[in-house]
């Protein structure tokens, strides 16, 4: 509950004393590479567990929906995403690691 958001897993728990501290670059947003690795691990090692399967499906859907929504609004993939609003943050046109969402979409881990 402290890492979950409707847009992906946060980079830091909301209960961590460093959450939202400093410039917030590393302490609040959603990073697609971290979420990709989490989904990959769940798919290969834990999907036989019903709770993990439910978590995997919900997380995958949240990431895809938010990235597609943001793409439609801004025509950009973003460096990271706000964990409260889903808004693209950081560098726009970030076609590096954020394009991992295409592998998430196709479940190609």
PDB file of N, CA and C in Angstrom:
ATOM      1  N   UNK A   1       0.813  -1.205   0.000  1.00  0.00           N
ATOM      2  CA  UNK A   1       0.000   0.000   0.000  1.00  0.00           C
ATOM      3  C   UNK A   1       0.856   1.268   0.000  1.00  0.00           C
ATOM      4  N   UNK A   2       2.118   1.165   0.421  1.00  0.00           N
ATOM      5  CA  UNK A   2       2.968   2.353   0.489  1.00  0.00           C
ATOM      6  C   UNK A   2       3.730   2.606  -0.810  1.00  0.00           C
ATOM      7  N   UNK A   3       3.834   1.591  -1.651  1.00  0.00           N
ATOM      8  CA  UNK A   3       4.514   1.748  -2.940  1.00  0.00           C
ATOM      9  C   UNK A   3       3.522   1.844  -4.095  1.00  0.00           C
ATOM     10  N   UNK A   4       2.331   1.311  -3.914  1.00  0.00           N
ATOM     11  CA  UNK A   4       1.326   1.230  -4.969  1.00  0.00           C
ATOM     12  C   UNK A   4       0.775   2.607  -5.317  1.00  0.00           C
ATOM     13  N   UNK A   5       0.574   2.841  -6.615  1.00  0.00           N
ATOM     14  CA  UNK A   5      -0.194   3.990  -7.092  1.00  0.00           C
ATOM     15  C   UNK A   5      -1.024   3.495  -8.272  1.00  0.00           C
ATOM     16  N   UNK A   6      -1.946   4.280  -8.712  1.00  0.00           N
ATOM     17  CA  UNK A   6      -2.782   3.900  -9.847  1.00  0.00           C
ATOM     18  C   UNK A   6      -2.042   3.990 -11.174  1.00  0.00           C
ATOM     19  N   UNK A   7      -0.765   4.338 -11.123  1.00  0.00           N
ATOM     20  CA  UNK A   7       0.007   4.544 -12.347  1.00  0.00           C
ATOM     21  C   UNK A   7       1.252   3.673 -12.412  1.00  0.00           C
ATOM     22  N   UNK A   8       1.540   2.947 -11.354  1.00  0.00           N
ATOM     23  CA  UNK A   8       2.718   2.094 -11.274  1.00  0.00           C
ATOM     24  C   UNK A   8       3.253   2.098  -9.853  1.00  0.00           C
ATOM     25  N   UNK A   9       4.336   1.397  -9.647  1.00  0.00           N
ATOM     26  CA  UNK A   9       4.958   1.332  -8.328  1.00  0.00           C
ATOM     27  C   UNK A   9       5.884   2.534  -8.144  1.00  0.00           C
ATOM     28  N   UNK A  10       5.740   3.193  -7.011  1.00  0.00           N
ATOM     29  CA  UNK A  10       6.580   4.359  -6.695  1.00  0.00           C
ATOM     30  C   UNK A  10       8.031   3.937  -6.495  1.00  0.00           C
ATOM     31  N   UNK A  11       8.923   4.887  -6.650  1.00  0.00           N
ATOM     32  CA  UNK A  11      10.340   4.614  -6.450  1.00  0.00           C
ATOM     33  C   UNK A  11      10.704   4.501  -4.979  1.00  0.00           C
ATOM     34  N   UNK A  12       9.859   5.014  -4.110  1.00  0.00           N
ATOM     35  CA  UNK A  12      10.143   4.991  -2.675  1.00  0.00           C
ATOM     36  C   UNK A  12       8.812   4.954  -1.927  1.00  0.00           C
ATOM     37  N   UNK A  13       8.773   4.251  -0.822  1.00  0.00           N
ATOM     38  CA  UNK A  13       7.571   4.141  -0.011  1.00  0.00           C
ATOM     39  C   UNK A  13       7.128   5.507   0.506  1.00  0.00           C
ATOM     40  N   UNK A  14       5.825   5.700   0.563  1.00  0.00           N
ATOM     41  CA  UNK A  14       5.291   6.949   1.120  1.00  0.00           C
ATOM     42  C   UNK A  14       5.606   7.081   2.604  1.00  0.00           C
ATOM     43  N   UNK A  15       5.980   5.982   3.253  1.00  0.00           N
ATOM     44  CA  UNK A  15       6.321   6.006   4.678  1.00  0.00           C
ATOM     45  C   UNK A  15       7.816   6.225   4.922  1.00  0.00           C
ATOM     46  N   UNK A  16       8.602   6.219   3.867  1.00  0.00           N
ATOM     47  CA  UNK A  16      10.041   6.434   4.017  1.00  0.00           C
ATOM     48  C   UNK A  16      10.290   7.903   4.367  1.00  0.00           C
ATOM     49  N   UNK A  17      11.183   8.206   5.301  1.00  0.00           N
ATOM     50  CA  UNK A  17      11.437   9.599   5.666  1.00  0.00           C
ATOM     51  C   UNK A  17      11.995  10.444   4.513  1.00  0.00           C
ATOM     52  N   UNK A  18      12.541   9.804   3.487  1.00  0.00           N
ATOM     53  CA  UNK A  18      13.077  10.559   2.351  1.00  0.00           C
ATOM     54  C   UNK A  18      12.053  10.754   1.227  1.00  0.00           C
ATOM     55  N   UNK A  19      10.850  10.191   1.375  1.00  0.00           N
ATOM     56  CA  UNK A  19       9.826  10.338   0.345  1.00  0.00           C
ATOM     57  C   UNK A  19       9.495  11.816   0.143  1.00  0.00           C
ATOM     58  N   UNK A  20       9.535  12.258  -1.107  1.00  0.00           N
ATOM     59  CA  UNK A  20       9.216  13.638  -1.506  1.00  0.00           C
ATOM     60  C   UNK A  20      10.188  14.663  -0.912  1.00  0.00           C
ATOM     61  N   UNK A  21      11.390  14.236  -0.563  1.00  0.00           N
ATOM     62  CA  UNK A  21      12.377  15.169  -0.013  1.00  0.00           C
ATOM     63  C   UNK A  21      13.327  15.618  -1.128  1.00  0.00           C
ATOM     64  N   UNK A  22      13.948  16.749  -0.935  1.00  0.00           N
ATOM     65  CA  UNK A  22      14.896  17.260  -1.925  1.00  0.00           C
ATOM     66  C   UNK A  22      14.198  17.621  -3.224  1.00  0.00           C
ATOM     67  N   UNK A  23      14.842  17.317  -4.336  1.00  0.00           N
ATOM     68  CA  UNK A  23      14.260  17.689  -5.627  1.00  0.00           C
ATOM     69  C   UNK A  23      13.213  16.679  -6.114  1.00  0.00           C
ATOM     70  N   UNK A  24      12.976  15.630  -5.357  1.00  0.00           N
ATOM     71  CA  UNK A  24      11.957  14.609  -5.627  1.00  0.00           C
ATOM     72  C   UNK A  24      12.260  13.761  -6.862  1.00  0.00           C
ATOM     73  N   UNK A  25      13.402  13.970  -7.500  1.00  0.00           N
ATOM     74  CA  UNK A  25      13.732  13.247  -8.736  1.00  0.00           C
ATOM     75  C   UNK A  25      13.768  11.743  -8.519  1.00  0.00           C
ATOM     76  N   UNK A  26      14.372  11.303  -7.420  1.00  0.00           N
ATOM     77  CA  UNK A  26      14.474   9.870  -7.145  1.00  0.00           C
ATOM     78  C   UNK A  26      13.526   9.408  -6.047  1.00  0.00           C
ATOM     79  N   UNK A  27      12.879  10.321  -5.368  1.00  0.00           N
ATOM     80  CA  UNK A  27      12.158   9.946  -4.154  1.00  0.00           C
ATOM     81  C   UNK A  27      10.639   9.903  -4.284  1.00  0.00           C
ATOM     82  N   UNK A  28      10.086  10.077  -5.465  1.00  0.00           N
ATOM     83  CA  UNK A  28       8.637  10.032  -5.609  1.00  0.00           C
ATOM     84  C   UNK A  28       8.155   9.385  -6.903  1.00  0.00           C
ATOM     85  N   UNK A  29       8.762   9.609  -8.049  1.00  0.00           N
ATOM     86  CA  UNK A  29       8.124   9.209  -9.299  1.00  0.00           C
ATOM     87  C   UNK A  29       8.102   7.709  -9.572  1.00  0.00           C
ATOM     88  N   UNK A  30       7.401   7.397 -10.621  1.00  0.00           N
ATOM     89  CA  UNK A  30       7.323   6.039 -11.150  1.00  0.00           C
ATOM     90  C   UNK A  30       8.329   5.946 -12.288  1.00  0.00           C
ATOM     91  N   UNK A  31       9.194   4.953 -12.193  1.00  0.00           N
ATOM     92  CA  UNK A  31      10.194   4.705 -13.222  1.00  0.00           C
ATOM     93  C   UNK A  31       9.806   3.424 -13.938  1.00  0.00           C
ATOM     94  N   UNK A  32       9.663   3.494 -15.247  1.00  0.00           N
ATOM     95  CA  UNK A  32       9.236   2.325 -16.026  1.00  0.00           C
ATOM     96  C   UNK A  32      10.231   1.171 -15.916  1.00  0.00           C
ATOM     97  N   UNK A  33      11.556   1.392 -15.934  1.00  0.00           N
ATOM     98  CA  UNK A  33      12.469   0.251 -15.833  1.00  0.00           C
ATOM     99  C   UNK A  33      12.273  -0.559 -14.544  1.00  0.00           C
ATOM    100  N   UNK A  34      12.059   0.116 -13.430  1.00  0.00           N
ATOM    101  CA  UNK A  34      11.844  -0.584 -12.168  1.00  0.00           C
ATOM    102  C   UNK A  34      10.553  -1.405 -12.226  1.00  0.00           C
ATOM    103  N   UNK A  35       9.508  -0.838 -12.795  1.00  0.00           N
ATOM    104  CA  UNK A  35       8.235  -1.545 -12.914  1.00  0.00           C
ATOM    105  C   UNK A  35       8.347  -2.710 -13.886  1.00  0.00           C
ATOM    106  N   UNK A  36       9.101  -2.523 -14.948  1.00  0.00           N
ATOM    107  CA  UNK A  36       9.338  -3.606 -15.908  1.00  0.00           C
ATOM    108  C   UNK A  36      10.013  -4.796 -15.212  1.00  0.00           C
ATOM    109  N   UNK A  37      11.056  -4.511 -14.437  1.00  0.00           N
ATOM    110  CA  UNK A  37      11.770  -5.583 -13.742  1.00  0.00           C
ATOM    111  C   UNK A  37      10.882  -6.281 -12.719  1.00  0.00           C
ATOM    112  N   UNK A  38      10.043  -5.530 -12.043  1.00  0.00           N
ATOM    113  CA  UNK A  38       9.110  -6.132 -11.094  1.00  0.00           C
ATOM    114  C   UNK A  38       8.126  -7.053 -11.819  1.00  0.00           C
ATOM    115  N   UNK A  39       7.572  -6.587 -12.927  1.00  0.00           N
ATOM    116  CA  UNK A  39       6.643  -7.421 -13.699  1.00  0.00           C
ATOM    117  C   UNK A  39       7.338  -8.672 -14.232  1.00  0.00           C
ATOM    118  N   UNK A  40       8.554  -8.511 -14.693  1.00  0.00           N
ATOM    119  CA  UNK A  40       9.316  -9.662 -15.207  1.00  0.00           C
ATOM    120  C   UNK A  40       9.514 -10.711 -14.112  1.00  0.00           C
ATOM    121  N   UNK A  41       9.920 -10.258 -12.945  1.00  0.00           N
ATOM    122  CA  UNK A  41      10.109 -11.178 -11.831  1.00  0.00           C
ATOM    123  C   UNK A  41       8.823 -11.873 -11.436  1.00  0.00           C
ATOM    124  N   UNK A  42       7.735 -11.126 -11.386  1.00  0.00           N
ATOM    125  CA  UNK A  42       6.443 -11.731 -11.051  1.00  0.00           C
ATOM    126  C   UNK A  42       6.037 -12.774 -12.085  1.00  0.00           C
ATOM    127  N   UNK A  43       6.218 -12.445 -13.351  1.00  0.00           N
ATOM    128  CA  UNK A  43       5.805 -13.369 -14.412  1.00  0.00           C
ATOM    129  C   UNK A  43       6.592 -14.674 -14.348  1.00  0.00           C
ATOM    130  N   UNK A  44       7.880 -14.586 -14.166  1.00  0.00           N
ATOM    131  CA  UNK A  44       8.711 -15.788 -14.234  1.00  0.00           C
ATOM    132  C   UNK A  44       8.791 -16.584 -12.933  1.00  0.00           C
ATOM    133  N   UNK A  45       8.524 -15.951 -11.802  1.00  0.00           N
ATOM    134  CA  UNK A  45       8.763 -16.650 -10.548  1.00  0.00           C
ATOM    135  C   UNK A  45       7.551 -16.777  -9.625  1.00  0.00           C
ATOM    136  N   UNK A  46       6.517 -15.964  -9.840  1.00  0.00           N
ATOM    137  CA  UNK A  46       5.461 -15.954  -8.838  1.00  0.00           C
ATOM    138  C   UNK A  46       4.036 -16.068  -9.373  1.00  0.00           C
ATOM    139  N   UNK A  47       3.829 -16.184 -10.678  1.00  0.00           N
ATOM    140  CA  UNK A  47       2.465 -16.140 -11.194  1.00  0.00           C
ATOM    141  C   UNK A  47       1.603 -17.326 -10.780  1.00  0.00           C
ATOM    142  N   UNK A  48       2.202 -18.390 -10.278  1.00  0.00           N
ATOM    143  CA  UNK A  48       1.386 -19.501  -9.792  1.00  0.00           C
ATOM    144  C   UNK A  48       0.668 -19.124  -8.494  1.00  0.00           C
ATOM    145  N   UNK A  49       1.120 -18.072  -7.837  1.00  0.00           N
ATOM    146  CA  UNK A  49       0.469 -17.568  -6.635  1.00  0.00           C
ATOM    147  C   UNK A  49      -0.678 -16.649  -7.058  1.00  0.00           C
ATOM    148  N   UNK A  50      -1.925 -16.936  -6.656  1.00  0.00           N
ATOM    149  CA  UNK A  50      -3.071 -16.111  -7.085  1.00  0.00           C
ATOM    150  C   UNK A  50      -2.939 -14.635  -6.716  1.00  0.00           C
ATOM    151  N   UNK A  51      -2.367 -14.328  -5.536  1.00  0.00           N
ATOM    152  CA  UNK A  51      -2.199 -12.922  -5.151  1.00  0.00           C
ATOM    153  C   UNK A  51      -1.200 -12.221  -6.065  1.00  0.00           C
ATOM    154  N   UNK A  52      -0.118 -12.900  -6.395  1.00  0.00           N
ATOM    155  CA  UNK A  52       0.893 -12.316  -7.285  1.00  0.00           C
ATOM    156  C   UNK A  52       0.317 -12.128  -8.679  1.00  0.00           C
ATOM    157  N   UNK A  53      -0.484 -13.077  -9.124  1.00  0.00           N
ATOM    158  CA  UNK A  53      -1.090 -12.982 -10.456  1.00  0.00           C
ATOM    159  C   UNK A  53      -2.028 -11.773 -10.544  1.00  0.00           C
ATOM    160  N   UNK A  54      -2.804 -11.570  -9.503  1.00  0.00           N
ATOM    161  CA  UNK A  54      -3.720 -10.418  -9.447  1.00  0.00           C
ATOM    162  C   UNK A  54      -2.933  -9.108  -9.424  1.00  0.00           C
ATOM    163  N   UNK A  55      -1.877  -9.071  -8.627  1.00  0.00           N
ATOM    164  CA  UNK A  55      -1.016  -7.898  -8.527  1.00  0.00           C
ATOM    165  C   UNK A  55      -0.360  -7.609  -9.880  1.00  0.00           C
ATOM    166  N   UNK A  56       0.184  -8.652 -10.523  1.00  0.00           N
ATOM    167  CA  UNK A  56       0.824  -8.527 -11.840  1.00  0.00           C
ATOM    168  C   UNK A  56      -0.137  -7.897 -12.845  1.00  0.00           C
ATOM    169  N   UNK A  57      -1.346  -8.435 -12.921  1.00  0.00           N
ATOM    170  CA  UNK A  57      -2.336  -7.956 -13.889  1.00  0.00           C
ATOM    171  C   UNK A  57      -2.699  -6.496 -13.634  1.00  0.00           C
ATOM    172  N   UNK A  58      -2.957  -6.144 -12.374  1.00  0.00           N
ATOM    173  CA  UNK A  58      -3.330  -4.771 -12.038  1.00  0.00           C
ATOM    174  C   UNK A  58      -2.188  -3.795 -12.312  1.00  0.00           C
ATOM    175  N   UNK A  59      -0.977  -4.160 -11.930  1.00  0.00           N
ATOM    176  CA  UNK A  59       0.173  -3.285 -12.163  1.00  0.00           C
ATOM    177  C   UNK A  59       0.413  -3.088 -13.649  1.00  0.00           C
ATOM    178  N   UNK A  60       0.391  -4.168 -14.401  1.00  0.00           N
ATOM    179  CA  UNK A  60       0.600  -4.093 -15.853  1.00  0.00           C
ATOM    180  C   UNK A  60      -0.443  -3.174 -16.502  1.00  0.00           C
ATOM    181  N   UNK A  61      -1.704  -3.348 -16.133  1.00  0.00           N
ATOM    182  CA  UNK A  61      -2.770  -2.506 -16.693  1.00  0.00           C
ATOM    183  C   UNK A  61      -2.575  -1.039 -16.330  1.00  0.00           C
ATOM    184  N   UNK A  62      -2.211  -0.756 -15.078  1.00  0.00           N
ATOM    185  CA  UNK A  62      -1.988   0.627 -14.650  1.00  0.00           C
ATOM    186  C   UNK A  62      -0.878   1.290 -15.462  1.00  0.00           C
ATOM    187  N   UNK A  63       0.217   0.588 -15.660  1.00  0.00           N
ATOM    188  CA  UNK A  63       1.350   1.150 -16.402  1.00  0.00           C
ATOM    189  C   UNK A  63       0.960   1.411 -17.852  1.00  0.00           C
ATOM    190  N   UNK A  64       0.336   0.434 -18.476  1.00  0.00           N
ATOM    191  CA  UNK A  64      -0.053   0.589 -19.881  1.00  0.00           C
ATOM    192  C   UNK A  64      -1.059   1.720 -20.041  1.00  0.00           C
ATOM    193  N   UNK A  65      -2.108   1.720 -19.228  1.00  0.00           N
ATOM    194  CA  UNK A  65      -3.142   2.769 -19.342  1.00  0.00           C
ATOM    195  C   UNK A  65      -2.547   4.158 -19.175  1.00  0.00           C
ATOM    196  N   UNK A  66      -1.694   4.326 -18.167  1.00  0.00           N
ATOM    197  CA  UNK A  66      -1.138   5.649 -17.924  1.00  0.00           C
ATOM    198  C   UNK A  66      -0.183   6.083 -19.030  1.00  0.00           C
ATOM    199  N   UNK A  67       0.654   5.193 -19.483  1.00  0.00           N
ATOM    200  CA  UNK A  67       1.614   5.558 -20.524  1.00  0.00           C
ATOM    201  C   UNK A  67       0.894   5.903 -21.825  1.00  0.00           C
ATOM    202  N   UNK A  68      -0.112   5.119 -22.178  1.00  0.00           N
ATOM    203  CA  UNK A  68      -0.886   5.394 -23.392  1.00  0.00           C
ATOM    204  C   UNK A  68      -1.656   6.706 -23.251  1.00  0.00           C
ATOM    205  N   UNK A  69      -2.281   6.926 -22.095  1.00  0.00           N
ATOM    206  CA  UNK A  69      -3.019   8.178 -21.857  1.00  0.00           C
ATOM    207  C   UNK A  69      -2.090   9.381 -21.996  1.00  0.00           C
ATOM    208  N   UNK A  70      -0.926   9.299 -21.365  1.00  0.00           N
ATOM    209  CA  UNK A  70       0.031  10.399 -21.428  1.00  0.00           C
ATOM    210  C   UNK A  70       0.547  10.602 -22.851  1.00  0.00           C
ATOM    211  N   UNK A  71       0.769   9.502 -23.568  1.00  0.00           N
ATOM    212  CA  UNK A  71       1.207   9.599 -24.961  1.00  0.00           C
ATOM    213  C   UNK A  71       0.150  10.320 -25.806  1.00  0.00           C
ATOM    214  N   UNK A  72      -1.108   9.960 -25.625  1.00  0.00           N
ATOM    215  CA  UNK A  72      -2.188  10.589 -26.395  1.00  0.00           C
ATOM    216  C   UNK A  72      -2.308  12.080 -26.092  1.00  0.00           C
ATOM    217  N   UNK A  73      -2.060  12.459 -24.842  1.00  0.00           N
ATOM    218  CA  UNK A  73      -2.168  13.866 -24.444  1.00  0.00           C
ATOM    219  C   UNK A  73      -0.972  14.698 -24.876  1.00  0.00           C
ATOM    220  N   UNK A  74       0.224  14.120 -24.824  1.00  0.00           N
ATOM    221  CA  UNK A  74       1.440  14.914 -25.040  1.00  0.00           C
ATOM    222  C   UNK A  74       2.276  14.488 -26.238  1.00  0.00           C
ATOM    223  N   UNK A  75       1.970  13.323 -26.801  1.00  0.00           N
ATOM    224  CA  UNK A  75       2.769  12.736 -27.882  1.00  0.00           C
ATOM    225  C   UNK A  75       4.224  12.535 -27.466  1.00  0.00           C
ATOM    226  N   UNK A  76       4.400  12.183 -26.197  1.00  0.00           N
ATOM    227  CA  UNK A  76       5.729  11.921 -25.658  1.00  0.00           C
ATOM    228  C   UNK A  76       5.707  10.727 -24.721  1.00  0.00           C
ATOM    229  N   UNK A  77       6.806   9.989 -24.736  1.00  0.00           N
ATOM    230  CA  UNK A  77       7.131   9.104 -23.634  1.00  0.00           C
ATOM    231  C   UNK A  77       7.969   9.956 -22.695  1.00  0.00           C
ATOM    232  N   UNK A  78       7.790   9.794 -21.410  1.00  0.00           N
ATOM    233  CA  UNK A  78       8.481  10.637 -20.447  1.00  0.00           C
ATOM    234  C   UNK A  78       9.513   9.845 -19.670  1.00  0.00           C
ATOM    235  N   UNK A  79      10.450  10.560 -19.094  1.00  0.00           N
ATOM    236  CA  UNK A  79      11.514   9.931 -18.319  1.00  0.00           C
ATOM    237  C   UNK A  79      10.951   9.182 -17.113  1.00  0.00           C
ATOM    238  N   UNK A  80       9.980   9.783 -16.445  1.00  0.00           N
ATOM    239  CA  UNK A  80       9.294   9.148 -15.328  1.00  0.00           C
ATOM    240  C   UNK A  80       7.903   9.757 -15.223  1.00  0.00           C
ATOM    241  N   UNK A  81       7.113   9.238 -14.282  1.00  0.00           N
ATOM    242  CA  UNK A  81       5.721   9.660 -14.174  1.00  0.00           C
ATOM    243  C   UNK A  81       5.382   9.972 -12.725  1.00  0.00           C
ATOM    244  N   UNK A  82       4.594  11.026 -12.531  1.00  0.00           N
ATOM    245  CA  UNK A  82       4.177  11.439 -11.200  1.00  0.00           C
ATOM    246  C   UNK A  82       3.356  10.327 -10.555  1.00  0.00           C
ATOM    247  N   UNK A  83       3.681   9.961  -9.328  1.00  0.00           N
ATOM    248  CA  UNK A  83       3.000   8.836  -8.687  1.00  0.00           C
ATOM    249  C   UNK A  83       1.627   9.209  -8.128  1.00  0.00           C
ATOM    250  N   UNK A  84       1.284  10.494  -8.129  1.00  0.00           N
ATOM    251  CA  UNK A  84      -0.030  10.929  -7.654  1.00  0.00           C
ATOM    252  C   UNK A  84      -0.984  11.242  -8.798  1.00  0.00           C
ATOM    253  N   UNK A  85      -0.454  11.769  -9.904  1.00  0.00           N
ATOM    254  CA  UNK A  85      -1.312  12.177 -11.018  1.00  0.00           C
ATOM    255  C   UNK A  85      -1.089  11.365 -12.294  1.00  0.00           C
ATOM    256  N   UNK A  86       0.042  10.683 -12.397  1.00  0.00           N
ATOM    257  CA  UNK A  86       0.387   9.953 -13.612  1.00  0.00           C
ATOM    258  C   UNK A  86       0.983  10.828 -14.694  1.00  0.00           C
ATOM    259  N   UNK A  87       1.058  12.118 -14.444  1.00  0.00           N
ATOM    260  CA  UNK A  87       1.594  13.072 -15.410  1.00  0.00           C
ATOM    261  C   UNK A  87       3.049  12.760 -15.736  1.00  0.00           C
ATOM    262  N   UNK A  88       3.407  12.922 -17.017  1.00  0.00           N
ATOM    263  CA  UNK A  88       4.786  12.734 -17.425  1.00  0.00           C
ATOM    264  C   UNK A  88       5.690  13.761 -16.778  1.00  0.00           C
ATOM    265  N   UNK A  89       6.861  13.304 -16.327  1.00  0.00           N
ATOM    266  CA  UNK A  89       7.819  14.189 -15.663  1.00  0.00           C
ATOM    267  C   UNK A  89       9.204  13.948 -16.236  1.00  0.00           C
ATOM    268  N   UNK A  90      10.110  14.823 -15.864  1.00  0.00           N
ATOM    269  CA  UNK A  90      11.476  14.675 -16.350  1.00  0.00           C
ATOM    270  C   UNK A  90      11.568  15.088 -17.807  1.00  0.00           C
ATOM    271  N   UNK A  91      12.389  14.403 -18.518  1.00  0.00           N
ATOM    272  CA  UNK A  91      12.677  14.743 -19.908  1.00  0.00           C
ATOM    273  C   UNK A  91      11.587  14.208 -20.844  1.00  0.00           C
ATOM    274  N   UNK A  92      10.971  15.070 -21.683  1.00  0.00           N
ATOM    275  CA  UNK A  92      10.003  14.575 -22.660  1.00  0.00           C
ATOM    276  C   UNK A  92      10.719  13.911 -23.838  1.00  0.00           C
ATOM    277  N   UNK A  93       9.977  13.191 -24.621  1.00  0.00           N
ATOM    278  CA  UNK A  93      10.522  12.456 -25.771  1.00  0.00           C
ATOM    279  C   UNK A  93      11.609  11.496 -25.326  1.00  0.00           C
ATOM    280  N   UNK A  94      11.399  10.904 -24.176  1.00  0.00           N
ATOM    281  CA  UNK A  94      12.374   9.983 -23.611  1.00  0.00           C
ATOM    282  C   UNK A  94      12.090   8.600 -24.164  1.00  0.00           C
ATOM    283  N   UNK A  95      12.642   8.340 -25.326  1.00  0.00           N
ATOM    284  CA  UNK A  95      12.352   7.072 -26.005  1.00  0.00           C
ATOM    285  C   UNK A  95      13.345   5.991 -25.635  1.00  0.00           C
ATOM    286  N   UNK A  96      14.055   6.186 -24.556  1.00  0.00           N
ATOM    287  CA  UNK A  96      14.969   5.166 -24.051  1.00  0.00           C
ATOM    288  C   UNK A  96      14.202   4.145 -23.250  1.00  0.00           C
ATOM    289  N   UNK A  97      14.412   4.139 -21.944  1.00  0.00           N
ATOM    290  CA  UNK A  97      13.842   3.068 -21.132  1.00  0.00           C
ATOM    291  C   UNK A  97      12.333   3.112 -21.016  1.00  0.00           C
ATOM    292  N   UNK A  98      11.688   4.255 -21.233  1.00  0.00           N
ATOM    293  CA  UNK A  98      10.234   4.292 -21.117  1.00  0.00           C
ATOM    294  C   UNK A  98       9.568   3.469 -22.209  1.00  0.00           C
ATOM    295  N   UNK A  99      10.260   3.246 -23.311  1.00  0.00           N
ATOM    296  CA  UNK A  99       9.675   2.397 -24.354  1.00  0.00           C
ATOM    297  C   UNK A  99       9.622   0.934 -23.919  1.00  0.00           C
ATOM    298  N   UNK A 100      10.142   0.620 -22.738  1.00  0.00           N
ATOM    299  CA  UNK A 100       9.945  -0.713 -22.173  1.00  0.00           C
ATOM    300  C   UNK A 100       8.452  -1.020 -22.030  1.00  0.00           C
ATOM    301  N   UNK A 101       7.630   0.021 -22.014  1.00  0.00           N
ATOM    302  CA  UNK A 101       6.183  -0.207 -21.930  1.00  0.00           C
ATOM    303  C   UNK A 101       5.697  -1.054 -23.112  1.00  0.00           C
ATOM    304  N   UNK A 102       6.376  -0.980 -24.234  1.00  0.00           N
ATOM    305  CA  UNK A 102       5.992  -1.815 -25.385  1.00  0.00           C
ATOM    306  C   UNK A 102       6.257  -3.284 -25.093  1.00  0.00           C
ATOM    307  N   UNK A 103       7.337  -3.573 -24.378  1.00  0.00           N
ATOM    308  CA  UNK A 103       7.610  -4.957 -23.973  1.00  0.00           C
ATOM    309  C   UNK A 103       6.630  -5.397 -22.900  1.00  0.00           C
ATOM    310  N   UNK A 104       6.254  -4.476 -22.008  1.00  0.00           N
ATOM    311  CA  UNK A 104       5.237  -4.787 -20.999  1.00  0.00           C
ATOM    312  C   UNK A 104       3.919  -5.091 -21.685  1.00  0.00           C
ATOM    313  N   UNK A 105       3.557  -4.291 -22.672  1.00  0.00           N
ATOM    314  CA  UNK A 105       2.314  -4.494 -23.413  1.00  0.00           C
ATOM    315  C   UNK A 105       2.278  -5.870 -24.064  1.00  0.00           C
ATOM    316  N   UNK A 106       3.390  -6.269 -24.671  1.00  0.00           N
ATOM    317  CA  UNK A 106       3.446  -7.551 -25.370  1.00  0.00           C
ATOM    318  C   UNK A 106       3.833  -8.708 -24.434  1.00  0.00           C
ATOM    319  N   UNK A 107       4.095  -8.402 -23.162  1.00  0.00           N
ATOM    320  CA  UNK A 107       4.548  -9.367 -22.171  1.00  0.00           C
ATOM    321  C   UNK A 107       5.810 -10.109 -22.644  1.00  0.00           C
ATOM    322  N   UNK A 108       6.664  -9.345 -23.275  1.00  0.00           N
ATOM    323  CA  UNK A 108       7.938  -9.873 -23.778  1.00  0.00           C
ATOM    324  C   UNK A 108       9.028  -9.467 -22.788  1.00  0.00           C
ATOM    325  N   UNK A 109       9.261 -10.316 -21.818  1.00  0.00           N
ATOM    326  CA  UNK A 109      10.252 -10.027 -20.784  1.00  0.00           C
ATOM    327  C   UNK A 109      11.516 -10.790 -21.084  1.00  0.00           C
TER     328      UNK A 109
END
